[in-house]
């Protein structure tokens, strides 16, 4: 594995484990951005956090790395609905209304994250 890919992998591991932990540290933030048409937002938040932590940990181990990376790709595709819903302009995080510029930025960045995870589905 090249140096750039190794650094990328380390950042991915840290990022997903940290993001997963945040689903439990500050659940209100994540629950507030789950679209209203999705049922059981608390359960969805818990599942997202568990999967992010699990995939982050799986990335550490070479035999599980490809499966974890594909799991992240699929998870990020599923999360697109959240980012698209934020464009409606009615999403609030606490007392703060999500501005369209941030919603567009998040939507734009999602394919970057997908490609980043996809890179780790490829053999080194």
PDB file of N, CA and C in Angstrom:
ATOM      1  N   UNK A   1       0.855  -1.173   0.000  1.00  0.00           N
ATOM      2  CA  UNK A   1       0.000   0.000   0.000  1.00  0.00           C
ATOM      3  C   UNK A   1       0.899   1.234   0.000  1.00  0.00           C
ATOM      4  N   UNK A   2       0.595   2.161  -0.899  1.00  0.00           N
ATOM      5  CA  UNK A   2       1.369   3.389  -0.976  1.00  0.00           C
ATOM      6  C   UNK A   2       1.125   4.292   0.229  1.00  0.00           C
ATOM      7  N   UNK A   3       2.009   5.256   0.387  1.00  0.00           N
ATOM      8  CA  UNK A   3       1.932   6.159   1.539  1.00  0.00           C
ATOM      9  C   UNK A   3       0.628   6.964   1.547  1.00  0.00           C
ATOM     10  N   UNK A   4       0.222   7.486   0.382  1.00  0.00           N
ATOM     11  CA  UNK A   4      -1.009   8.285   0.311  1.00  0.00           C
ATOM     12  C   UNK A   4      -2.224   7.451   0.699  1.00  0.00           C
ATOM     13  N   UNK A   5      -2.267   6.217   0.212  1.00  0.00           N
ATOM     14  CA  UNK A   5      -3.416   5.364   0.526  1.00  0.00           C
ATOM     15  C   UNK A   5      -3.412   4.979   1.999  1.00  0.00           C
ATOM     16  N   UNK A   6      -2.226   4.766   2.568  1.00  0.00           N
ATOM     17  CA  UNK A   6      -2.130   4.424   3.989  1.00  0.00           C
ATOM     18  C   UNK A   6      -2.628   5.586   4.852  1.00  0.00           C
ATOM     19  N   UNK A   7      -2.217   6.813   4.511  1.00  0.00           N
ATOM     20  CA  UNK A   7      -2.680   7.996   5.246  1.00  0.00           C
ATOM     21  C   UNK A   7      -4.188   8.146   5.083  1.00  0.00           C
ATOM     22  N   UNK A   8      -4.669   7.938   3.858  1.00  0.00           N
ATOM     23  CA  UNK A   8      -6.102   8.009   3.589  1.00  0.00           C
ATOM     24  C   UNK A   8      -6.868   7.007   4.441  1.00  0.00           C
ATOM     25  N   UNK A   9      -6.339   5.797   4.533  1.00  0.00           N
ATOM     26  CA  UNK A   9      -6.985   4.747   5.326  1.00  0.00           C
ATOM     27  C   UNK A   9      -7.033   5.124   6.801  1.00  0.00           C
ATOM     28  N   UNK A  10      -5.943   5.631   7.325  1.00  0.00           N
ATOM     29  CA  UNK A  10      -5.901   6.041   8.736  1.00  0.00           C
ATOM     30  C   UNK A  10      -6.928   7.136   9.002  1.00  0.00           C
ATOM     31  N   UNK A  11      -7.012   8.111   8.100  1.00  0.00           N
ATOM     32  CA  UNK A  11      -7.996   9.194   8.262  1.00  0.00           C
ATOM     33  C   UNK A  11      -9.421   8.657   8.189  1.00  0.00           C
ATOM     34  N   UNK A  12      -9.644   7.706   7.296  1.00  0.00           N
ATOM     35  CA  UNK A  12     -10.970   7.097   7.171  1.00  0.00           C
ATOM     36  C   UNK A  12     -11.344   6.351   8.450  1.00  0.00           C
ATOM     37  N   UNK A  13     -10.407   5.586   8.981  1.00  0.00           N
ATOM     38  CA  UNK A  13     -10.652   4.845  10.225  1.00  0.00           C
ATOM     39  C   UNK A  13     -11.001   5.803  11.356  1.00  0.00           C
ATOM     40  N   UNK A  14     -10.161   6.791  11.560  1.00  0.00           N
ATOM     41  CA  UNK A  14     -10.389   7.764  12.640  1.00  0.00           C
ATOM     42  C   UNK A  14     -11.704   8.500  12.425  1.00  0.00           C
ATOM     43  N   UNK A  15     -11.951   8.929  11.189  1.00  0.00           N
ATOM     44  CA  UNK A  15     -13.160   9.694  10.881  1.00  0.00           C
ATOM     45  C   UNK A  15     -14.440   8.928  11.155  1.00  0.00           C
ATOM     46  N   UNK A  16     -14.491   7.668  10.722  1.00  0.00           N
ATOM     47  CA  UNK A  16     -15.729   6.906  10.914  1.00  0.00           C
ATOM     48  C   UNK A  16     -15.931   6.468  12.352  1.00  0.00           C
ATOM     49  N   UNK A  17     -14.869   6.131  13.034  1.00  0.00           N
ATOM     50  CA  UNK A  17     -15.027   5.790  14.452  1.00  0.00           C
ATOM     51  C   UNK A  17     -15.481   7.023  15.230  1.00  0.00           C
ATOM     52  N   UNK A  18     -14.866   8.174  14.964  1.00  0.00           N
ATOM     53  CA  UNK A  18     -15.252   9.415  15.657  1.00  0.00           C
ATOM     54  C   UNK A  18     -16.686   9.813  15.317  1.00  0.00           C
ATOM     55  N   UNK A  19     -17.048   9.729  14.041  1.00  0.00           N
ATOM     56  CA  UNK A  19     -18.417  10.079  13.641  1.00  0.00           C
ATOM     57  C   UNK A  19     -19.422   9.144  14.304  1.00  0.00           C
ATOM     58  N   UNK A  20     -19.096   7.862  14.346  1.00  0.00           N
ATOM     59  CA  UNK A  20     -19.991   6.901  14.993  1.00  0.00           C
ATOM     60  C   UNK A  20     -20.174   7.193  16.468  1.00  0.00           C
ATOM     61  N   UNK A  21     -19.090   7.512  17.143  1.00  0.00           N
ATOM     62  CA  UNK A  21     -19.167   7.859  18.569  1.00  0.00           C
ATOM     63  C   UNK A  21     -20.027   9.098  18.770  1.00  0.00           C
ATOM     64  N   UNK A  22     -19.913  10.057  17.853  1.00  0.00           N
ATOM     65  CA  UNK A  22     -20.704  11.289  17.978  1.00  0.00           C
ATOM     66  C   UNK A  22     -22.206  11.037  17.900  1.00  0.00           C
ATOM     67  N   UNK A  23     -22.615   9.975  17.230  1.00  0.00           N
ATOM     68  CA  UNK A  23     -24.043   9.638  17.194  1.00  0.00           C
ATOM     69  C   UNK A  23     -24.571   9.349  18.599  1.00  0.00           C
ATOM     70  N   UNK A  24     -23.688   8.936  19.497  1.00  0.00           N
ATOM     71  CA  UNK A  24     -24.075   8.638  20.879  1.00  0.00           C
ATOM     72  C   UNK A  24     -23.774   9.802  21.818  1.00  0.00           C
ATOM     73  N   UNK A  25     -22.766  10.585  21.504  1.00  0.00           N
ATOM     74  CA  UNK A  25     -22.411  11.748  22.332  1.00  0.00           C
ATOM     75  C   UNK A  25     -23.404  12.891  22.139  1.00  0.00           C
ATOM     76  N   UNK A  26     -23.775  13.157  20.892  1.00  0.00           N
ATOM     77  CA  UNK A  26     -24.687  14.267  20.586  1.00  0.00           C
ATOM     78  C   UNK A  26     -25.807  13.787  19.651  1.00  0.00           C
ATOM     79  N   UNK A  27     -26.634  12.859  20.136  1.00  0.00           N
ATOM     80  CA  UNK A  27     -27.662  12.287  19.266  1.00  0.00           C
ATOM     81  C   UNK A  27     -28.663  13.316  18.740  1.00  0.00           C
ATOM     82  N   UNK A  28     -28.938  14.348  19.511  1.00  0.00           N
ATOM     83  CA  UNK A  28     -29.925  15.347  19.076  1.00  0.00           C
ATOM     84  C   UNK A  28     -29.518  15.983  17.751  1.00  0.00           C
ATOM     85  N   UNK A  29     -28.228  16.200  17.557  1.00  0.00           N
ATOM     86  CA  UNK A  29     -27.745  16.784  16.298  1.00  0.00           C
ATOM     87  C   UNK A  29     -28.130  15.894  15.123  1.00  0.00           C
ATOM     88  N   UNK A  30     -27.819  14.614  15.228  1.00  0.00           N
ATOM     89  CA  UNK A  30     -28.065  13.692  14.121  1.00  0.00           C
ATOM     90  C   UNK A  30     -29.554  13.422  13.932  1.00  0.00           C
ATOM     91  N   UNK A  31     -30.270  13.273  15.026  1.00  0.00           N
ATOM     92  CA  UNK A  31     -31.709  13.016  14.937  1.00  0.00           C
ATOM     93  C   UNK A  31     -32.417  14.191  14.271  1.00  0.00           C
ATOM     94  N   UNK A  32     -31.935  15.403  14.521  1.00  0.00           N
ATOM     95  CA  UNK A  32     -32.586  16.586  13.949  1.00  0.00           C
ATOM     96  C   UNK A  32     -32.447  16.669  12.434  1.00  0.00           C
ATOM     97  N   UNK A  33     -31.471  15.993  11.849  1.00  0.00           N
ATOM     98  CA  UNK A  33     -31.315  16.068  10.391  1.00  0.00           C
ATOM     99  C   UNK A  33     -31.892  14.848   9.670  1.00  0.00           C
ATOM    100  N   UNK A  34     -32.424  13.895  10.413  1.00  0.00           N
ATOM    101  CA  UNK A  34     -33.073  12.744   9.778  1.00  0.00           C
ATOM    102  C   UNK A  34     -34.410  13.225   9.217  1.00  0.00           C
ATOM    103  N   UNK A  35     -34.649  12.998   7.915  1.00  0.00           N
ATOM    104  CA  UNK A  35     -35.903  13.477   7.311  1.00  0.00           C
ATOM    105  C   UNK A  35     -37.130  12.950   8.045  1.00  0.00           C
ATOM    106  N   UNK A  36     -38.147  13.788   8.130  1.00  0.00           N
ATOM    107  CA  UNK A  36     -39.369  13.448   8.843  1.00  0.00           C
ATOM    108  C   UNK A  36     -40.109  12.254   8.278  1.00  0.00           C
ATOM    109  N   UNK A  37     -39.899  11.950   7.000  1.00  0.00           N
ATOM    110  CA  UNK A  37     -40.603  10.823   6.391  1.00  0.00           C
ATOM    111  C   UNK A  37     -39.990   9.468   6.762  1.00  0.00           C
ATOM    112  N   UNK A  38     -38.823   9.489   7.427  1.00  0.00           N
ATOM    113  CA  UNK A  38     -38.211   8.233   7.871  1.00  0.00           C
ATOM    114  C   UNK A  38     -38.676   7.916   9.295  1.00  0.00           C
ATOM    115  N   UNK A  39     -39.169   6.700   9.525  1.00  0.00           N
ATOM    116  CA  UNK A  39     -39.654   6.354  10.864  1.00  0.00           C
ATOM    117  C   UNK A  39     -38.513   6.064  11.838  1.00  0.00           C
ATOM    118  N   UNK A  40     -38.820   6.151  13.108  1.00  0.00           N
ATOM    119  CA  UNK A  40     -37.909   5.772  14.193  1.00  0.00           C
ATOM    120  C   UNK A  40     -36.534   6.442  14.116  1.00  0.00           C
ATOM    121  N   UNK A  41     -36.500   7.771  14.158  1.00  0.00           N
ATOM    122  CA  UNK A  41     -35.213   8.472  14.027  1.00  0.00           C
ATOM    123  C   UNK A  41     -34.184   8.095  15.095  1.00  0.00           C
ATOM    124  N   UNK A  42     -34.632   7.801  16.319  1.00  0.00           N
ATOM    125  CA  UNK A  42     -33.672   7.420  17.362  1.00  0.00           C
ATOM    126  C   UNK A  42     -32.987   6.096  17.014  1.00  0.00           C
ATOM    127  N   UNK A  43     -33.772   5.159  16.515  1.00  0.00           N
ATOM    128  CA  UNK A  43     -33.208   3.864  16.129  1.00  0.00           C
ATOM    129  C   UNK A  43     -32.276   4.029  14.928  1.00  0.00           C
ATOM    130  N   UNK A  44     -32.690   4.833  13.947  1.00  0.00           N
ATOM    131  CA  UNK A  44     -31.837   5.069  12.777  1.00  0.00           C
ATOM    132  C   UNK A  44     -30.516   5.712  13.182  1.00  0.00           C
ATOM    133  N   UNK A  45     -30.573   6.657  14.116  1.00  0.00           N
ATOM    134  CA  UNK A  45     -29.353   7.298  14.599  1.00  0.00           C
ATOM    135  C   UNK A  45     -28.439   6.277  15.275  1.00  0.00           C
ATOM    136  N   UNK A  46     -29.020   5.434  16.115  1.00  0.00           N
ATOM    137  CA  UNK A  46     -28.227   4.411  16.804  1.00  0.00           C
ATOM    138  C   UNK A  46     -27.595   3.450  15.803  1.00  0.00           C
ATOM    139  N   UNK A  47     -28.378   3.004  14.828  1.00  0.00           N
ATOM    140  CA  UNK A  47     -27.844   2.090  13.812  1.00  0.00           C
ATOM    141  C   UNK A  47     -26.725   2.740  13.002  1.00  0.00           C
ATOM    142  N   UNK A  48     -26.932   4.000  12.617  1.00  0.00           N
ATOM    143  CA  UNK A  48     -25.890   4.705  11.857  1.00  0.00           C
ATOM    144  C   UNK A  48     -24.603   4.784  12.670  1.00  0.00           C
ATOM    145  N   UNK A  49     -24.724   5.122  13.938  1.00  0.00           N
ATOM    146  CA  UNK A  49     -23.547   5.202  14.801  1.00  0.00           C
ATOM    147  C   UNK A  49     -22.847   3.862  14.944  1.00  0.00           C
ATOM    148  N   UNK A  50     -23.629   2.806  15.161  1.00  0.00           N
ATOM    149  CA  UNK A  50     -23.043   1.467  15.300  1.00  0.00           C
ATOM    150  C   UNK A  50     -22.335   1.027  14.018  1.00  0.00           C
ATOM    151  N   UNK A  51     -22.980   1.274  12.870  1.00  0.00           N
ATOM    152  CA  UNK A  51     -22.358   0.883  11.603  1.00  0.00           C
ATOM    153  C   UNK A  51     -21.105   1.700  11.312  1.00  0.00           C
ATOM    154  N   UNK A  52     -21.128   2.991  11.614  1.00  0.00           N
ATOM    155  CA  UNK A  52     -19.928   3.803  11.386  1.00  0.00           C
ATOM    156  C   UNK A  52     -18.763   3.307  12.241  1.00  0.00           C
ATOM    157  N   UNK A  53     -19.040   3.002  13.496  1.00  0.00           N
ATOM    158  CA  UNK A  53     -17.984   2.472  14.374  1.00  0.00           C
ATOM    159  C   UNK A  53     -17.515   1.104  13.865  1.00  0.00           C
ATOM    160  N   UNK A  54     -18.460   0.236  13.538  1.00  0.00           N
ATOM    161  CA  UNK A  54     -18.101  -1.109  13.070  1.00  0.00           C
ATOM    162  C   UNK A  54     -17.274  -1.048  11.789  1.00  0.00           C
ATOM    163  N   UNK A  55     -17.713  -0.249  10.823  1.00  0.00           N
ATOM    164  CA  UNK A  55     -16.961  -0.150   9.568  1.00  0.00           C
ATOM    165  C   UNK A  55     -15.583   0.460   9.802  1.00  0.00           C
ATOM    166  N   UNK A  56     -15.501   1.461  10.676  1.00  0.00           N
ATOM    167  CA  UNK A  56     -14.209   2.056  11.008  1.00  0.00           C
ATOM    168  C   UNK A  56     -13.259   1.027  11.602  1.00  0.00           C
ATOM    169  N   UNK A  57     -13.765   0.216  12.516  1.00  0.00           N
ATOM    170  CA  UNK A  57     -12.935  -0.835  13.122  1.00  0.00           C
ATOM    171  C   UNK A  57     -12.567  -1.917  12.106  1.00  0.00           C
ATOM    172  N   UNK A  58     -13.514  -2.272  11.254  1.00  0.00           N
ATOM    173  CA  UNK A  58     -13.237  -3.292  10.241  1.00  0.00           C
ATOM    174  C   UNK A  58     -12.144  -2.853   9.269  1.00  0.00           C
ATOM    175  N   UNK A  59     -12.069  -1.552   9.006  1.00  0.00           N
ATOM    176  CA  UNK A  59     -11.036  -1.047   8.097  1.00  0.00           C
ATOM    177  C   UNK A  59      -9.623  -1.324   8.606  1.00  0.00           C
ATOM    178  N   UNK A  60      -9.491  -1.498   9.900  1.00  0.00           N
ATOM    179  CA  UNK A  60      -8.174  -1.753  10.493  1.00  0.00           C
ATOM    180  C   UNK A  60      -7.615  -3.092  10.011  1.00  0.00           C
ATOM    181  N   UNK A  61      -8.495  -4.051   9.805  1.00  0.00           N
ATOM    182  CA  UNK A  61      -8.080  -5.417   9.505  1.00  0.00           C
ATOM    183  C   UNK A  61      -8.172  -5.702   8.005  1.00  0.00           C
ATOM    184  N   UNK A  62      -7.050  -6.017   7.416  1.00  0.00           N
ATOM    185  CA  UNK A  62      -6.964  -6.233   5.966  1.00  0.00           C
ATOM    186  C   UNK A  62      -8.040  -7.191   5.433  1.00  0.00           C
ATOM    187  N   UNK A  63      -8.304  -8.346   6.083  1.00  0.00           N
ATOM    188  CA  UNK A  63      -9.318  -9.254   5.530  1.00  0.00           C
ATOM    189  C   UNK A  63     -10.729  -8.640   5.488  1.00  0.00           C
ATOM    190  N   UNK A  64     -11.021  -7.707   6.371  1.00  0.00           N
ATOM    191  CA  UNK A  64     -12.357  -7.099   6.441  1.00  0.00           C
ATOM    192  C   UNK A  64     -12.424  -5.747   5.734  1.00  0.00           C
ATOM    193  N   UNK A  65     -11.300  -5.245   5.275  1.00  0.00           N
ATOM    194  CA  UNK A  65     -11.215  -3.873   4.750  1.00  0.00           C
ATOM    195  C   UNK A  65     -12.118  -3.636   3.544  1.00  0.00           C
ATOM    196  N   UNK A  66     -12.105  -4.556   2.586  1.00  0.00           N
ATOM    197  CA  UNK A  66     -12.910  -4.373   1.376  1.00  0.00           C
ATOM    198  C   UNK A  66     -14.403  -4.348   1.717  1.00  0.00           C
ATOM    199  N   UNK A  67     -14.838  -5.269   2.570  1.00  0.00           N
ATOM    200  CA  UNK A  67     -16.244  -5.310   2.990  1.00  0.00           C
ATOM    201  C   UNK A  67     -16.622  -4.024   3.720  1.00  0.00           C
ATOM    202  N   UNK A  68     -15.748  -3.552   4.598  1.00  0.00           N
ATOM    203  CA  UNK A  68     -16.012  -2.314   5.339  1.00  0.00           C
ATOM    204  C   UNK A  68     -16.130  -1.127   4.394  1.00  0.00           C
ATOM    205  N   UNK A  69     -15.224  -1.059   3.424  1.00  0.00           N
ATOM    206  CA  UNK A  69     -15.257   0.061   2.478  1.00  0.00           C
ATOM    207  C   UNK A  69     -16.541   0.034   1.654  1.00  0.00           C
ATOM    208  N   UNK A  70     -16.970  -1.145   1.216  1.00  0.00           N
ATOM    209  CA  UNK A  70     -18.238  -1.245   0.491  1.00  0.00           C
ATOM    210  C   UNK A  70     -19.417  -0.878   1.398  1.00  0.00           C
ATOM    211  N   UNK A  71     -19.340  -1.265   2.658  1.00  0.00           N
ATOM    212  CA  UNK A  71     -20.385  -0.874   3.609  1.00  0.00           C
ATOM    213  C   UNK A  71     -20.478   0.634   3.747  1.00  0.00           C
ATOM    214  N   UNK A  72     -19.331   1.291   3.798  1.00  0.00           N
ATOM    215  CA  UNK A  72     -19.311   2.753   3.893  1.00  0.00           C
ATOM    216  C   UNK A  72     -19.892   3.371   2.628  1.00  0.00           C
ATOM    217  N   UNK A  73     -19.519   2.841   1.462  1.00  0.00           N
ATOM    218  CA  UNK A  73     -20.069   3.357   0.201  1.00  0.00           C
ATOM    219  C   UNK A  73     -21.591   3.271   0.221  1.00  0.00           C
ATOM    220  N   UNK A  74     -22.126   2.114   0.586  1.00  0.00           N
ATOM    221  CA  UNK A  74     -23.585   1.939   0.614  1.00  0.00           C
ATOM    222  C   UNK A  74     -24.241   2.841   1.654  1.00  0.00           C
ATOM    223  N   UNK A  75     -23.608   2.982   2.800  1.00  0.00           N
ATOM    224  CA  UNK A  75     -24.138   3.848   3.848  1.00  0.00           C
ATOM    225  C   UNK A  75     -24.185   5.300   3.363  1.00  0.00           C
ATOM    226  N   UNK A  76     -23.124   5.751   2.711  1.00  0.00           N
ATOM    227  CA  UNK A  76     -23.081   7.127   2.218  1.00  0.00           C
ATOM    228  C   UNK A  76     -24.128   7.363   1.134  1.00  0.00           C
ATOM    229  N   UNK A  77     -24.373   6.360   0.308  1.00  0.00           N
ATOM    230  CA  UNK A  77     -25.436   6.483  -0.693  1.00  0.00           C
ATOM    231  C   UNK A  77     -26.785   6.608   0.009  1.00  0.00           C
ATOM    232  N   UNK A  78     -27.004   5.816   1.050  1.00  0.00           N
ATOM    233  CA  UNK A  78     -28.255   5.909   1.818  1.00  0.00           C
ATOM    234  C   UNK A  78     -28.398   7.281   2.467  1.00  0.00           C
ATOM    235  N   UNK A  79     -27.284   7.854   2.918  1.00  0.00           N
ATOM    236  CA  UNK A  79     -27.321   9.169   3.571  1.00  0.00           C
ATOM    237  C   UNK A  79     -27.632  10.300   2.596  1.00  0.00           C
ATOM    238  N   UNK A  80     -27.573  10.040   1.288  1.00  0.00           N
ATOM    239  CA  UNK A  80     -27.892  11.086   0.316  1.00  0.00           C
ATOM    240  C   UNK A  80     -29.289  11.654   0.550  1.00  0.00           C
ATOM    241  N   UNK A  81     -30.219  10.804   1.000  1.00  0.00           N
ATOM    242  CA  UNK A  81     -31.586  11.289   1.241  1.00  0.00           C
ATOM    243  C   UNK A  81     -31.610  12.381   2.304  1.00  0.00           C
ATOM    244  N   UNK A  82     -30.735  12.272   3.294  1.00  0.00           N
ATOM    245  CA  UNK A  82     -30.643  13.299   4.341  1.00  0.00           C
ATOM    246  C   UNK A  82     -30.178  14.611   3.731  1.00  0.00           C
ATOM    247  N   UNK A  83     -29.148  14.548   2.902  1.00  0.00           N
ATOM    248  CA  UNK A  83     -28.582  15.764   2.324  1.00  0.00           C
ATOM    249  C   UNK A  83     -29.533  16.405   1.317  1.00  0.00           C
ATOM    250  N   UNK A  84     -30.242  15.593   0.570  1.00  0.00           N
ATOM    251  CA  UNK A  84     -31.232  16.127  -0.365  1.00  0.00           C
ATOM    252  C   UNK A  84     -32.378  16.767   0.407  1.00  0.00           C
ATOM    253  N   UNK A  85     -32.825  16.124   1.476  1.00  0.00           N
ATOM    254  CA  UNK A  85     -33.907  16.683   2.293  1.00  0.00           C
ATOM    255  C   UNK A  85     -33.510  18.028   2.900  1.00  0.00           C
ATOM    256  N   UNK A  86     -32.235  18.191   3.235  1.00  0.00           N
ATOM    257  CA  UNK A  86     -31.779  19.454   3.827  1.00  0.00           C
ATOM    258  C   UNK A  86     -31.952  20.622   2.852  1.00  0.00           C
ATOM    259  N   UNK A  87     -31.990  20.336   1.558  1.00  0.00           N
ATOM    260  CA  UNK A  87     -32.170  21.391   0.560  1.00  0.00           C
ATOM    261  C   UNK A  87     -33.561  22.005   0.617  1.00  0.00           C
ATOM    262  N   UNK A  88     -34.504  21.319   1.257  1.00  0.00           N
ATOM    263  CA  UNK A  88     -35.873  21.834   1.350  1.00  0.00           C
ATOM    264  C   UNK A  88     -35.952  23.100   2.190  1.00  0.00           C
ATOM    265  N   UNK A  89     -34.919  23.336   2.998  1.00  0.00           N
ATOM    266  CA  UNK A  89     -34.862  24.577   3.777  1.00  0.00           C
ATOM    267  C   UNK A  89     -35.581  24.530   5.104  1.00  0.00           C
ATOM    268  N   UNK A  90     -36.101  23.385   5.497  1.00  0.00           N
ATOM    269  CA  UNK A  90     -36.819  23.330   6.775  1.00  0.00           C
ATOM    270  C   UNK A  90     -36.057  22.574   7.860  1.00  0.00           C
ATOM    271  N   UNK A  91     -34.826  22.170   7.580  1.00  0.00           N
ATOM    272  CA  UNK A  91     -34.043  21.425   8.562  1.00  0.00           C
ATOM    273  C   UNK A  91     -33.443  22.374   9.586  1.00  0.00           C
ATOM    274  N   UNK A  92     -33.640  22.046  10.854  1.00  0.00           N
ATOM    275  CA  UNK A  92     -33.067  22.824  11.948  1.00  0.00           C
ATOM    276  C   UNK A  92     -32.207  21.924  12.806  1.00  0.00           C
ATOM    277  N   UNK A  93     -31.068  22.473  13.225  1.00  0.00           N
ATOM    278  CA  UNK A  93     -30.198  21.793  14.176  1.00  0.00           C
ATOM    279  C   UNK A  93     -30.245  22.645  15.428  1.00  0.00           C
ATOM    280  N   UNK A  94     -30.999  22.166  16.414  1.00  0.00           N
ATOM    281  CA  UNK A  94     -31.253  22.993  17.589  1.00  0.00           C
ATOM    282  C   UNK A  94     -32.096  24.185  17.161  1.00  0.00           C
ATOM    283  N   UNK A  95     -31.637  25.381  17.498  1.00  0.00           N
ATOM    284  CA  UNK A  95     -32.360  26.599  17.129  1.00  0.00           C
ATOM    285  C   UNK A  95     -31.865  27.172  15.806  1.00  0.00           C
ATOM    286  N   UNK A  96     -30.901  26.516  15.185  1.00  0.00           N
ATOM    287  CA  UNK A  96     -30.283  27.042  13.970  1.00  0.00           C
ATOM    288  C   UNK A  96     -30.876  26.405  12.721  1.00  0.00           C
ATOM    289  N   UNK A  97     -31.346  27.249  11.824  1.00  0.00           N
ATOM    290  CA  UNK A  97     -31.851  26.796  10.530  1.00  0.00           C
ATOM    291  C   UNK A  97     -30.655  26.476   9.624  1.00  0.00           C
ATOM    292  N   UNK A  98     -30.684  25.332   8.957  1.00  0.00           N
ATOM    293  CA  UNK A  98     -29.603  24.974   8.032  1.00  0.00           C
ATOM    294  C   UNK A  98     -29.740  25.835   6.784  1.00  0.00           C
ATOM    295  N   UNK A  99     -28.702  26.601   6.501  1.00  0.00           N
ATOM    296  CA  UNK A  99     -28.721  27.493   5.339  1.00  0.00           C
ATOM    297  C   UNK A  99     -28.499  26.679   4.067  1.00  0.00           C
ATOM    298  N   UNK A 100     -29.134  27.109   2.975  1.00  0.00           N
ATOM    299  CA  UNK A 100     -28.989  26.365   1.716  1.00  0.00           C
ATOM    300  C   UNK A 100     -27.534  26.160   1.286  1.00  0.00           C
ATOM    301  N   UNK A 101     -26.675  27.131   1.533  1.00  0.00           N
ATOM    302  CA  UNK A 101     -25.274  26.986   1.121  1.00  0.00           C
ATOM    303  C   UNK A 101     -24.623  25.794   1.815  1.00  0.00           C
ATOM    304  N   UNK A 102     -24.964  25.562   3.088  1.00  0.00           N
ATOM    305  CA  UNK A 102     -24.402  24.415   3.816  1.00  0.00           C
ATOM    306  C   UNK A 102     -25.009  23.110   3.326  1.00  0.00           C
ATOM    307  N   UNK A 103     -26.298  23.152   3.011  1.00  0.00           N
ATOM    308  CA  UNK A 103     -26.953  21.950   2.491  1.00  0.00           C
ATOM    309  C   UNK A 103     -26.344  21.554   1.143  1.00  0.00           C
ATOM    310  N   UNK A 104     -26.111  22.547   0.275  1.00  0.00           N
ATOM    311  CA  UNK A 104     -25.480  22.263  -1.019  1.00  0.00           C
ATOM    312  C   UNK A 104     -24.050  21.762  -0.832  1.00  0.00           C
ATOM    313  N   UNK A 105     -23.321  22.346   0.110  1.00  0.00           N
ATOM    314  CA  UNK A 105     -21.934  21.928   0.366  1.00  0.00           C
ATOM    315  C   UNK A 105     -21.896  20.472   0.825  1.00  0.00           C
ATOM    316  N   UNK A 106     -22.805  20.116   1.722  1.00  0.00           N
ATOM    317  CA  UNK A 106     -22.851  18.728   2.207  1.00  0.00           C
ATOM    318  C   UNK A 106     -23.195  17.774   1.066  1.00  0.00           C
ATOM    319  N   UNK A 107     -24.155  18.166   0.228  1.00  0.00           N
ATOM    320  CA  UNK A 107     -24.550  17.320  -0.898  1.00  0.00           C
ATOM    321  C   UNK A 107     -23.398  17.183  -1.897  1.00  0.00           C
ATOM    322  N   UNK A 108     -22.694  18.267  -2.157  1.00  0.00           N
ATOM    323  CA  UNK A 108     -21.555  18.238  -3.073  1.00  0.00           C
ATOM    324  C   UNK A 108     -20.437  17.346  -2.536  1.00  0.00           C
ATOM    325  N   UNK A 109     -20.218  17.379  -1.230  1.00  0.00           N
ATOM    326  CA  UNK A 109     -19.114  16.642  -0.619  1.00  0.00           C
ATOM    327  C   UNK A 109     -19.388  15.141  -0.532  1.00  0.00           C
ATOM    328  N   UNK A 110     -20.651  14.752  -0.556  1.00  0.00           N
ATOM    329  CA  UNK A 110     -21.002  13.336  -0.401  1.00  0.00           C
ATOM    330  C   UNK A 110     -20.352  12.439  -1.466  1.00  0.00           C
ATOM    331  N   UNK A 111     -20.381  12.806  -2.753  1.00  0.00           N
ATOM    332  CA  UNK A 111     -19.688  11.960  -3.739  1.00  0.00           C
ATOM    333  C   UNK A 111     -18.181  11.853  -3.489  1.00  0.00           C
ATOM    334  N   UNK A 112     -17.577  12.896  -2.950  1.00  0.00           N
ATOM    335  CA  UNK A 112     -16.151  12.852  -2.612  1.00  0.00           C
ATOM    336  C   UNK A 112     -15.914  11.775  -1.556  1.00  0.00           C
ATOM    337  N   UNK A 113     -16.773  11.747  -0.540  1.00  0.00           N
ATOM    338  CA  UNK A 113     -16.652  10.725   0.505  1.00  0.00           C
ATOM    339  C   UNK A 113     -16.885   9.323  -0.057  1.00  0.00           C
ATOM    340  N   UNK A 114     -17.836   9.214  -0.978  1.00  0.00           N
ATOM    341  CA  UNK A 114     -18.128   7.915  -1.589  1.00  0.00           C
ATOM    342  C   UNK A 114     -16.917   7.412  -2.371  1.00  0.00           C
ATOM    343  N   UNK A 115     -16.316   8.279  -3.182  1.00  0.00           N
ATOM    344  CA  UNK A 115     -15.133   7.887  -3.960  1.00  0.00           C
ATOM    345  C   UNK A 115     -13.970   7.545  -3.033  1.00  0.00           C
ATOM    346  N   UNK A 116     -13.823   8.309  -1.968  1.00  0.00           N
ATOM    347  CA  UNK A 116     -12.754   8.044  -0.998  1.00  0.00           C
ATOM    348  C   UNK A 116     -12.897   6.634  -0.417  1.00  0.00           C
ATOM    349  N   UNK A 117     -14.100   6.289   0.018  1.00  0.00           N
ATOM    350  CA  UNK A 117     -14.325   4.943   0.564  1.00  0.00           C
ATOM    351  C   UNK A 117     -14.158   3.887  -0.527  1.00  0.00           C
ATOM    352  N   UNK A 118     -14.675   4.183  -1.717  1.00  0.00           N
ATOM    353  CA  UNK A 118     -14.572   3.235  -2.830  1.00  0.00           C
ATOM    354  C   UNK A 118     -13.111   2.906  -3.141  1.00  0.00           C
ATOM    355  N   UNK A 119     -12.227   3.898  -3.031  1.00  0.00           N
ATOM    356  CA  UNK A 119     -10.798   3.693  -3.293  1.00  0.00           C
ATOM    357  C   UNK A 119     -10.261   2.538  -2.444  1.00  0.00           C
ATOM    358  N   UNK A 120     -10.811   2.388  -1.253  1.00  0.00           N
ATOM    359  CA  UNK A 120     -10.338   1.342  -0.349  1.00  0.00           C
ATOM    360  C   UNK A 120     -11.014  -0.012  -0.588  1.00  0.00           C
ATOM    361  N   UNK A 121     -11.896  -0.082  -1.601  1.00  0.00           N
ATOM    362  CA  UNK A 121     -12.418  -1.386  -2.024  1.00  0.00           C
ATOM    363  C   UNK A 121     -11.469  -2.023  -3.028  1.00  0.00           C
ATOM    364  N   UNK A 122     -10.568  -1.227  -3.587  1.00  0.00           N
ATOM    365  CA  UNK A 122      -9.606  -1.693  -4.589  1.00  0.00           C
ATOM    366  C   UNK A 122      -8.395  -2.297  -3.899  1.00  0.00           C
ATOM    367  N   UNK A 123      -7.830  -3.302  -4.487  1.00  0.00           N
ATOM    368  CA  UNK A 123      -6.619  -3.913  -3.932  1.00  0.00           C
ATOM    369  C   UNK A 123      -5.464  -2.932  -4.002  1.00  0.00           C
ATOM    370  N   UNK A 124      -4.582  -3.032  -3.022  1.00  0.00           N
ATOM    371  CA  UNK A 124      -3.418  -2.138  -2.988  1.00  0.00           C
ATOM    372  C   UNK A 124      -2.334  -2.637  -3.909  1.00  0.00           C
TER     373      UNK A 124
END
